[in-house]
């Protein structure tokens, strides 16, 4: 279906109403915006990418791998966990992180491919 973005004035209200019906529901748009915002940091993208390559990584290892401070690492992990993108499990005193869903792998791969287009 071809969409014209410029329309004649006498059809404007009808066209606007028709296109508004094609918009995402408000709650879905908000959830998508939060997801995109949570992915808007290179360290968080790297964390997700690493977790697509390795099933689980100890929290303390992320600081060494990413070469960032432990508080910054904790902050990035907390954001990803709040967004329900990763999960953690404890083994003794160590905390391990993994992807919440295996479906995250294609999402991360798609984001990387899209970045090549920019």
N, C-alpha and C. Protein backbone atom coordinates (compact mmCIF):
# COMPACT_ATOMS: atom_id res chain seq x y z
N UNK A 1 0.83 -1.17 0.00
CA UNK A 1 0.00 0.00 0.00
C UNK A 1 0.88 1.24 0.00
N UNK A 2 0.59 2.14 -0.89
CA UNK A 2 1.37 3.37 -1.00
C UNK A 2 0.77 4.42 -0.08
N UNK A 3 1.61 5.04 0.72
CA UNK A 3 1.15 6.12 1.58
C UNK A 3 1.70 7.44 1.06
N UNK A 4 0.81 8.37 0.84
CA UNK A 4 1.23 9.71 0.47
C UNK A 4 1.29 10.54 1.75
N UNK A 5 2.39 11.21 1.94
CA UNK A 5 2.54 11.99 3.17
C UNK A 5 2.04 13.42 3.00
N UNK A 6 1.80 13.81 1.79
CA UNK A 6 1.18 15.10 1.53
C UNK A 6 -0.19 14.82 0.95
N UNK A 7 -1.19 15.45 1.49
CA UNK A 7 -2.54 15.17 1.04
C UNK A 7 -3.28 16.48 0.82
N UNK A 8 -4.30 16.40 0.02
CA UNK A 8 -5.10 17.59 -0.26
C UNK A 8 -5.86 18.00 0.98
N UNK A 9 -6.02 19.30 1.17
CA UNK A 9 -6.65 19.82 2.38
C UNK A 9 -8.05 19.27 2.62
N UNK A 10 -8.82 19.02 1.56
CA UNK A 10 -10.19 18.57 1.78
C UNK A 10 -10.26 17.12 2.27
N UNK A 11 -9.16 16.40 2.22
CA UNK A 11 -9.12 15.03 2.73
C UNK A 11 -8.25 14.90 3.99
N UNK A 12 -7.74 16.01 4.46
CA UNK A 12 -6.77 15.99 5.55
C UNK A 12 -7.30 15.26 6.79
N UNK A 13 -8.47 15.63 7.28
CA UNK A 13 -8.99 15.02 8.50
C UNK A 13 -9.19 13.52 8.35
N UNK A 14 -9.69 13.09 7.22
CA UNK A 14 -9.91 11.67 6.97
C UNK A 14 -8.57 10.92 6.93
N UNK A 15 -7.60 11.51 6.25
CA UNK A 15 -6.28 10.87 6.12
C UNK A 15 -5.58 10.80 7.47
N UNK A 16 -5.66 11.87 8.24
CA UNK A 16 -5.05 11.89 9.57
C UNK A 16 -5.68 10.81 10.45
N UNK A 17 -7.00 10.72 10.42
CA UNK A 17 -7.70 9.71 11.22
C UNK A 17 -7.30 8.30 10.78
N UNK A 18 -7.18 8.08 9.49
CA UNK A 18 -6.80 6.77 8.96
C UNK A 18 -5.39 6.40 9.41
N UNK A 19 -4.48 7.35 9.32
CA UNK A 19 -3.09 7.08 9.71
C UNK A 19 -2.94 6.93 11.22
N UNK A 20 -3.74 7.65 11.99
CA UNK A 20 -3.69 7.50 13.45
C UNK A 20 -4.07 6.10 13.87
N UNK A 21 -4.97 5.46 13.14
CA UNK A 21 -5.38 4.09 13.45
C UNK A 21 -4.25 3.10 13.22
N UNK A 22 -3.27 3.48 12.42
CA UNK A 22 -2.14 2.60 12.12
C UNK A 22 -1.01 2.73 13.14
N UNK A 23 -1.13 3.70 14.04
CA UNK A 23 -0.08 3.91 15.04
C UNK A 23 -0.10 2.78 16.06
N UNK A 24 1.03 2.62 16.73
CA UNK A 24 1.11 1.66 17.83
C UNK A 24 0.22 2.12 18.98
N UNK A 25 -0.33 1.18 19.73
CA UNK A 25 -1.03 1.58 20.95
C UNK A 25 -0.05 2.30 21.88
N UNK A 26 -0.54 3.22 22.66
CA UNK A 26 0.29 4.07 23.52
C UNK A 26 1.22 3.25 24.42
N UNK A 27 0.70 2.21 25.06
CA UNK A 27 1.53 1.42 25.98
C UNK A 27 2.64 0.69 25.24
N UNK A 28 2.37 0.24 24.03
CA UNK A 28 3.39 -0.45 23.24
C UNK A 28 4.47 0.55 22.81
N UNK A 29 4.07 1.73 22.39
CA UNK A 29 5.04 2.76 21.99
C UNK A 29 5.94 3.14 23.16
N UNK A 30 5.35 3.26 24.34
CA UNK A 30 6.14 3.61 25.54
C UNK A 30 7.12 2.49 25.86
N UNK A 31 6.66 1.24 25.82
CA UNK A 31 7.55 0.11 26.09
C UNK A 31 8.70 0.06 25.09
N UNK A 32 8.40 0.31 23.82
CA UNK A 32 9.45 0.33 22.79
C UNK A 32 10.46 1.44 23.05
N UNK A 33 9.97 2.59 23.45
CA UNK A 33 10.86 3.72 23.73
C UNK A 33 11.78 3.40 24.91
N UNK A 34 11.24 2.79 25.96
CA UNK A 34 12.06 2.41 27.10
C UNK A 34 13.11 1.37 26.70
N UNK A 35 12.71 0.43 25.86
CA UNK A 35 13.66 -0.58 25.40
C UNK A 35 14.78 0.07 24.61
N UNK A 36 14.42 0.95 23.68
CA UNK A 36 15.44 1.62 22.88
C UNK A 36 16.38 2.45 23.77
N UNK A 37 15.80 3.11 24.76
CA UNK A 37 16.62 3.91 25.67
C UNK A 37 17.58 3.02 26.45
N UNK A 38 17.10 1.85 26.88
CA UNK A 38 17.96 0.95 27.65
C UNK A 38 19.11 0.41 26.81
N UNK A 39 18.95 0.40 25.50
CA UNK A 39 20.01 -0.08 24.61
C UNK A 39 20.93 1.06 24.15
N UNK A 40 20.68 2.26 24.64
CA UNK A 40 21.40 3.43 24.18
C UNK A 40 22.73 3.68 24.86
N UNK A 41 23.45 2.65 25.20
CA UNK A 41 24.76 2.81 25.83
C UNK A 41 25.68 1.71 25.31
N UNK A 42 26.89 2.09 24.94
CA UNK A 42 27.81 1.11 24.34
C UNK A 42 28.15 -0.03 25.31
N UNK A 43 28.23 0.27 26.61
CA UNK A 43 28.54 -0.78 27.57
C UNK A 43 27.39 -1.78 27.68
N UNK A 44 26.16 -1.29 27.67
CA UNK A 44 25.01 -2.20 27.74
C UNK A 44 24.92 -3.05 26.48
N UNK A 45 25.20 -2.45 25.33
CA UNK A 45 25.21 -3.23 24.08
C UNK A 45 26.29 -4.30 24.14
N UNK A 46 27.47 -3.93 24.65
CA UNK A 46 28.56 -4.91 24.78
C UNK A 46 28.21 -6.02 25.76
N UNK A 47 27.54 -5.67 26.84
CA UNK A 47 27.12 -6.70 27.81
C UNK A 47 26.17 -7.67 27.12
N UNK A 48 25.18 -7.14 26.43
CA UNK A 48 24.22 -8.02 25.74
C UNK A 48 24.92 -8.85 24.68
N UNK A 49 25.83 -8.22 23.94
CA UNK A 49 26.54 -8.96 22.89
C UNK A 49 27.37 -10.10 23.51
N UNK A 50 28.08 -9.81 24.58
CA UNK A 50 28.88 -10.84 25.25
C UNK A 50 27.99 -12.00 25.70
N UNK A 51 26.80 -11.67 26.18
CA UNK A 51 25.89 -12.71 26.66
C UNK A 51 25.26 -13.50 25.52
N UNK A 52 25.34 -12.99 24.30
CA UNK A 52 24.91 -13.80 23.15
C UNK A 52 26.00 -14.80 22.77
N UNK A 53 27.23 -14.52 23.18
CA UNK A 53 28.37 -15.37 22.84
C UNK A 53 28.68 -16.40 23.93
N UNK A 54 28.38 -16.04 25.17
CA UNK A 54 28.69 -16.87 26.32
C UNK A 54 27.41 -17.00 27.15
N UNK A 55 27.09 -18.19 27.60
CA UNK A 55 25.83 -18.42 28.31
C UNK A 55 25.68 -17.57 29.57
N UNK A 56 26.74 -17.46 30.36
CA UNK A 56 26.67 -16.65 31.57
C UNK A 56 28.05 -16.11 31.90
N UNK A 57 28.05 -14.93 32.50
CA UNK A 57 29.30 -14.27 32.87
C UNK A 57 29.16 -13.76 34.30
N UNK A 58 30.21 -13.94 35.08
CA UNK A 58 30.25 -13.45 36.45
C UNK A 58 30.28 -11.91 36.43
N UNK A 59 29.51 -11.32 37.32
CA UNK A 59 29.39 -9.86 37.36
C UNK A 59 30.75 -9.17 37.46
N UNK A 60 31.64 -9.71 38.27
CA UNK A 60 32.95 -9.07 38.45
C UNK A 60 33.80 -9.12 37.18
N UNK A 61 33.55 -10.08 36.32
CA UNK A 61 34.32 -10.18 35.07
C UNK A 61 33.97 -9.08 34.08
N UNK A 62 32.74 -8.58 34.14
CA UNK A 62 32.34 -7.53 33.20
C UNK A 62 33.23 -6.29 33.32
N UNK A 63 33.58 -5.92 34.55
CA UNK A 63 34.44 -4.74 34.74
C UNK A 63 35.77 -4.90 34.02
N UNK A 64 36.37 -6.08 34.17
CA UNK A 64 37.66 -6.34 33.52
C UNK A 64 37.51 -6.39 32.00
N UNK A 65 36.48 -7.07 31.55
CA UNK A 65 36.28 -7.22 30.10
C UNK A 65 36.00 -5.87 29.44
N UNK A 66 35.10 -5.09 30.06
CA UNK A 66 34.70 -3.80 29.48
C UNK A 66 35.65 -2.67 29.84
N UNK A 67 36.54 -2.91 30.79
CA UNK A 67 37.48 -1.91 31.30
C UNK A 67 36.75 -0.67 31.82
N UNK A 68 35.75 -0.94 32.66
CA UNK A 68 35.02 0.13 33.34
C UNK A 68 34.97 -0.20 34.82
N UNK A 69 34.66 0.80 35.62
CA UNK A 69 34.65 0.61 37.08
C UNK A 69 33.53 -0.35 37.50
N UNK A 70 33.69 -0.92 38.68
CA UNK A 70 32.67 -1.83 39.22
C UNK A 70 31.34 -1.11 39.44
N UNK A 71 31.34 0.14 39.98
CA UNK A 71 30.05 0.84 40.14
C UNK A 71 29.34 1.08 38.80
N UNK A 72 30.12 1.44 37.76
CA UNK A 72 29.51 1.64 36.45
C UNK A 72 28.99 0.32 35.89
N UNK A 73 29.73 -0.74 36.09
CA UNK A 73 29.28 -2.07 35.65
C UNK A 73 27.97 -2.43 36.33
N UNK A 74 27.90 -2.23 37.63
CA UNK A 74 26.69 -2.54 38.38
C UNK A 74 25.50 -1.72 37.88
N UNK A 75 25.75 -0.46 37.58
CA UNK A 75 24.71 0.43 37.06
C UNK A 75 24.17 -0.10 35.72
N UNK A 76 25.08 -0.48 34.83
CA UNK A 76 24.66 -0.98 33.51
C UNK A 76 23.89 -2.28 33.64
N UNK A 77 24.35 -3.18 34.49
CA UNK A 77 23.66 -4.45 34.71
C UNK A 77 22.29 -4.23 35.33
N UNK A 78 22.20 -3.28 36.26
CA UNK A 78 20.92 -2.98 36.90
C UNK A 78 19.88 -2.49 35.88
N UNK A 79 20.30 -1.63 34.98
CA UNK A 79 19.39 -1.12 33.95
C UNK A 79 18.89 -2.27 33.07
N UNK A 80 19.80 -3.12 32.63
CA UNK A 80 19.40 -4.24 31.78
C UNK A 80 18.49 -5.21 32.53
N UNK A 81 18.75 -5.38 33.80
CA UNK A 81 17.91 -6.28 34.61
C UNK A 81 16.53 -5.67 34.82
N UNK A 82 16.48 -4.36 35.10
CA UNK A 82 15.19 -3.68 35.27
C UNK A 82 14.34 -3.76 34.00
N UNK A 83 15.01 -3.75 32.85
CA UNK A 83 14.29 -3.85 31.58
C UNK A 83 13.93 -5.30 31.25
N UNK A 84 14.31 -6.21 32.13
CA UNK A 84 13.99 -7.63 31.98
C UNK A 84 14.69 -8.26 30.77
N UNK A 85 15.87 -7.73 30.44
CA UNK A 85 16.64 -8.25 29.31
C UNK A 85 17.64 -9.31 29.75
N UNK A 86 18.08 -9.21 31.01
CA UNK A 86 19.03 -10.18 31.55
C UNK A 86 18.50 -10.69 32.88
N UNK A 87 19.07 -11.80 33.32
CA UNK A 87 18.72 -12.36 34.63
C UNK A 87 20.01 -12.70 35.35
N UNK A 88 19.91 -12.84 36.66
CA UNK A 88 21.10 -13.19 37.43
C UNK A 88 20.82 -14.39 38.30
N UNK A 89 21.88 -15.10 38.60
CA UNK A 89 21.80 -16.24 39.50
C UNK A 89 23.05 -16.22 40.37
N UNK A 90 22.89 -16.68 41.60
CA UNK A 90 24.02 -16.71 42.53
C UNK A 90 24.56 -18.13 42.65
N UNK A 91 25.86 -18.19 42.71
CA UNK A 91 26.55 -19.46 42.95
C UNK A 91 27.62 -19.15 43.98
N UNK A 92 27.34 -19.49 45.23
CA UNK A 92 28.24 -19.09 46.31
C UNK A 92 28.17 -17.59 46.48
N UNK A 93 29.32 -16.93 46.46
CA UNK A 93 29.37 -15.47 46.58
C UNK A 93 29.33 -14.78 45.21
N UNK A 94 29.40 -15.54 44.15
CA UNK A 94 29.44 -14.96 42.81
C UNK A 94 28.04 -14.80 42.23
N UNK A 95 27.87 -13.73 41.45
CA UNK A 95 26.61 -13.47 40.76
C UNK A 95 26.88 -13.59 39.27
N UNK A 96 26.11 -14.42 38.61
CA UNK A 96 26.26 -14.65 37.18
C UNK A 96 25.08 -14.06 36.43
N UNK A 97 25.37 -13.47 35.28
CA UNK A 97 24.33 -12.88 34.44
C UNK A 97 24.22 -13.65 33.14
N UNK A 98 23.00 -13.73 32.65
CA UNK A 98 22.73 -14.36 31.36
C UNK A 98 21.55 -13.64 30.72
N UNK A 99 21.34 -13.91 29.44
CA UNK A 99 20.19 -13.32 28.76
C UNK A 99 18.91 -13.88 29.35
N UNK A 100 17.92 -13.04 29.50
CA UNK A 100 16.63 -13.48 30.03
C UNK A 100 15.97 -14.46 29.06
N UNK A 101 16.05 -14.13 27.79
CA UNK A 101 15.44 -14.96 26.75
C UNK A 101 16.47 -15.19 25.65
N UNK A 102 16.46 -16.36 25.09
CA UNK A 102 17.36 -16.64 23.97
C UNK A 102 16.97 -15.82 22.74
N UNK A 103 15.73 -15.30 22.73
CA UNK A 103 15.29 -14.47 21.60
C UNK A 103 16.04 -13.14 21.55
N UNK A 104 16.76 -12.80 22.62
CA UNK A 104 17.55 -11.57 22.62
C UNK A 104 18.69 -11.62 21.63
N UNK A 105 19.21 -12.82 21.36
CA UNK A 105 20.36 -12.94 20.46
C UNK A 105 20.06 -12.37 19.07
N UNK A 106 18.93 -12.72 18.42
CA UNK A 106 18.65 -12.12 17.11
C UNK A 106 18.45 -10.60 17.19
N UNK A 107 17.89 -10.11 18.31
CA UNK A 107 17.72 -8.67 18.46
C UNK A 107 19.06 -7.97 18.49
N UNK A 108 19.98 -8.49 19.28
CA UNK A 108 21.31 -7.88 19.39
C UNK A 108 22.03 -7.95 18.03
N UNK A 109 21.93 -9.08 17.36
CA UNK A 109 22.55 -9.22 16.04
C UNK A 109 21.94 -8.24 15.03
N UNK A 110 20.64 -8.02 15.10
CA UNK A 110 19.98 -7.07 14.20
C UNK A 110 20.46 -5.64 14.48
N UNK A 111 20.60 -5.29 15.76
CA UNK A 111 21.08 -3.95 16.11
C UNK A 111 22.48 -3.75 15.55
N UNK A 112 23.33 -4.75 15.65
CA UNK A 112 24.68 -4.64 15.12
C UNK A 112 24.66 -4.46 13.60
N UNK A 113 23.82 -5.24 12.92
CA UNK A 113 23.70 -5.10 11.47
C UNK A 113 23.18 -3.74 11.08
N UNK A 114 22.22 -3.21 11.83
CA UNK A 114 21.68 -1.89 11.54
C UNK A 114 22.72 -0.80 11.72
N UNK A 115 23.62 -0.99 12.68
CA UNK A 115 24.64 0.02 12.90
C UNK A 115 25.59 0.13 11.70
N UNK A 116 25.72 -0.94 10.94
CA UNK A 116 26.55 -0.91 9.72
C UNK A 116 25.93 -0.04 8.64
N UNK A 117 24.61 0.18 8.72
CA UNK A 117 23.91 0.96 7.71
C UNK A 117 24.01 2.46 7.95
N UNK A 118 24.42 2.82 9.16
CA UNK A 118 24.46 4.24 9.52
C UNK A 118 25.75 4.87 9.02
